Amino acid sequence: MFHKKNTLSSSCIQQLNSIGFIWDHLDHAWKEKFNQLCAFKAQYGLSNVPRNDAQNKSLGVWVNTQRVLYKKNTLSSSRMQQLNSVDFIWDPLEH
């Protein structure tokens, strides 16, 4: 909040960055799930995580959420590009 209002000094920002401070929790969470998806693809050879996969339930739900956001046209183009880079399946019924 203070960072967005530019009320923190540059040295304070540098110190926080040096300890891995997370400025945007939503973006950080998205990147974490994307990294999990990359690991899933590396292990299983595909990026289609079923929602009912017992071992990867939260990842499967996240994958489905990305599809919903895509269909609603609310997923950013940069996130679409990232997902496309791992051969993301936008419509599992067509695959």
Protein backbone atom coordinates (compact mmCIF):
# COMPACT_ATOMS: atom_id res chain seq x y z
CA MET A 1 0.00 0.00 0.00
CA PHE A 2 2.73 2.49 0.91
CA HIS A 3 4.79 1.32 -2.06
CA LYS A 4 1.96 2.16 -4.49
CA LYS A 5 1.58 5.63 -2.95
CA ASN A 6 5.35 6.18 -3.30
CA THR A 7 5.79 6.93 0.38
CA LEU A 8 8.62 4.46 0.98
CA SER A 9 12.17 5.54 0.42
CA SER A 10 14.13 3.79 -2.30
CA SER A 11 16.51 2.33 0.32
CA CYS A 12 13.57 0.89 2.27
CA ILE A 13 12.20 -0.63 -0.95
CA GLN A 14 15.62 -2.11 -1.73
CA GLN A 15 15.87 -3.61 1.76
CA LEU A 16 12.43 -5.17 1.48
CA ASN A 17 13.23 -6.53 -1.98
CA SER A 18 16.49 -7.99 -0.67
CA ILE A 19 14.58 -10.17 1.83
CA GLY A 20 12.05 -11.33 -0.77
CA PHE A 21 9.18 -9.09 0.28
CA ILE A 22 6.02 -9.85 -1.71
CA TRP A 23 4.43 -6.65 -3.01
CA ASP A 24 1.48 -8.21 -4.83
CA HIS A 25 0.05 -11.29 -3.16
CA LEU A 26 -2.43 -12.09 -5.94
CA ASP A 27 0.25 -11.99 -8.61
CA HIS A 28 2.57 -14.02 -6.41
CA ALA A 29 -0.12 -16.68 -5.87
CA TRP A 30 -0.77 -16.86 -9.64
CA LYS A 31 2.92 -17.35 -10.35
CA GLU A 32 3.13 -20.07 -7.69
CA LYS A 33 0.26 -21.99 -9.30
CA PHE A 34 1.76 -21.48 -12.75
CA ASN A 35 5.06 -22.95 -11.49
CA GLN A 36 3.12 -25.91 -10.09
CA LEU A 37 1.49 -26.35 -13.49
CA CYS A 38 4.93 -26.34 -15.14
CA ALA A 39 6.12 -29.01 -12.70
CA PHE A 40 2.96 -31.06 -13.37
CA LYS A 41 3.61 -30.86 -17.12
CA ALA A 42 7.25 -31.85 -16.64
CA GLN A 43 6.18 -34.90 -14.64
CA TYR A 44 3.15 -36.03 -16.64
CA GLY A 45 3.81 -34.55 -20.09
CA LEU A 46 0.60 -32.52 -20.23
CA SER A 47 -0.93 -29.44 -18.69
CA ASN A 48 -4.49 -30.70 -18.36
CA VAL A 49 -4.93 -31.12 -14.61
CA PRO A 50 -8.29 -32.70 -13.74
CA ARG A 51 -10.31 -30.91 -11.07
CA ASN A 52 -10.87 -34.22 -9.31
CA ASP A 53 -7.18 -35.21 -9.19
CA ALA A 54 -6.76 -36.13 -5.51
CA GLN A 55 -3.04 -35.29 -5.44
CA ASN A 56 -3.40 -31.99 -7.28
CA LYS A 57 -6.89 -30.82 -6.33
CA SER A 58 -6.03 -27.13 -5.76
CA LEU A 59 -4.03 -27.04 -9.00
CA GLY A 60 -6.94 -28.62 -10.88
CA VAL A 61 -9.30 -25.99 -9.48
CA TRP A 62 -6.84 -23.25 -10.47
CA VAL A 63 -6.59 -24.62 -14.01
CA ASN A 64 -10.37 -24.61 -14.29
CA THR A 65 -10.48 -21.03 -12.96
CA GLN A 66 -8.06 -19.94 -15.70
CA ARG A 67 -10.40 -21.47 -18.29
CA VAL A 68 -13.38 -19.63 -16.82
CA LEU A 69 -11.49 -16.32 -16.81
CA TYR A 70 -10.45 -16.94 -20.42
CA LYS A 71 -14.05 -17.61 -21.48
CA LYS A 72 -15.17 -14.43 -19.69
CA ASN A 73 -12.39 -12.55 -21.50
CA THR A 74 -10.94 -11.37 -18.18
CA LEU A 75 -7.61 -13.21 -18.30
CA SER A 76 -4.73 -10.89 -19.19
CA SER A 77 -2.89 -11.45 -22.44
CA SER A 78 0.40 -11.95 -20.61
CA ARG A 79 -1.12 -14.75 -18.53
CA MET A 80 -2.65 -16.31 -21.64
CA GLN A 81 0.79 -16.25 -23.25
CA GLN A 82 2.36 -17.88 -20.21
CA LEU A 83 -0.29 -20.61 -20.20
CA ASN A 84 0.06 -21.12 -23.96
CA SER A 85 3.80 -21.59 -23.44
CA VAL A 86 3.04 -24.84 -21.59
CA ASP A 87 0.47 -26.01 -24.17
CA PHE A 88 -2.44 -25.13 -21.89
CA ILE A 89 -5.68 -26.83 -22.91
CA TRP A 90 -8.35 -24.13 -22.96
CA ASP A 91 -11.25 -26.49 -23.67
CA PRO A 92 -10.72 -30.04 -22.38
CA LEU A 93 -13.84 -31.23 -24.22
CA GLU A 94 -12.27 -30.37 -27.56
CA HIS A 95 -9.01 -32.09 -26.73
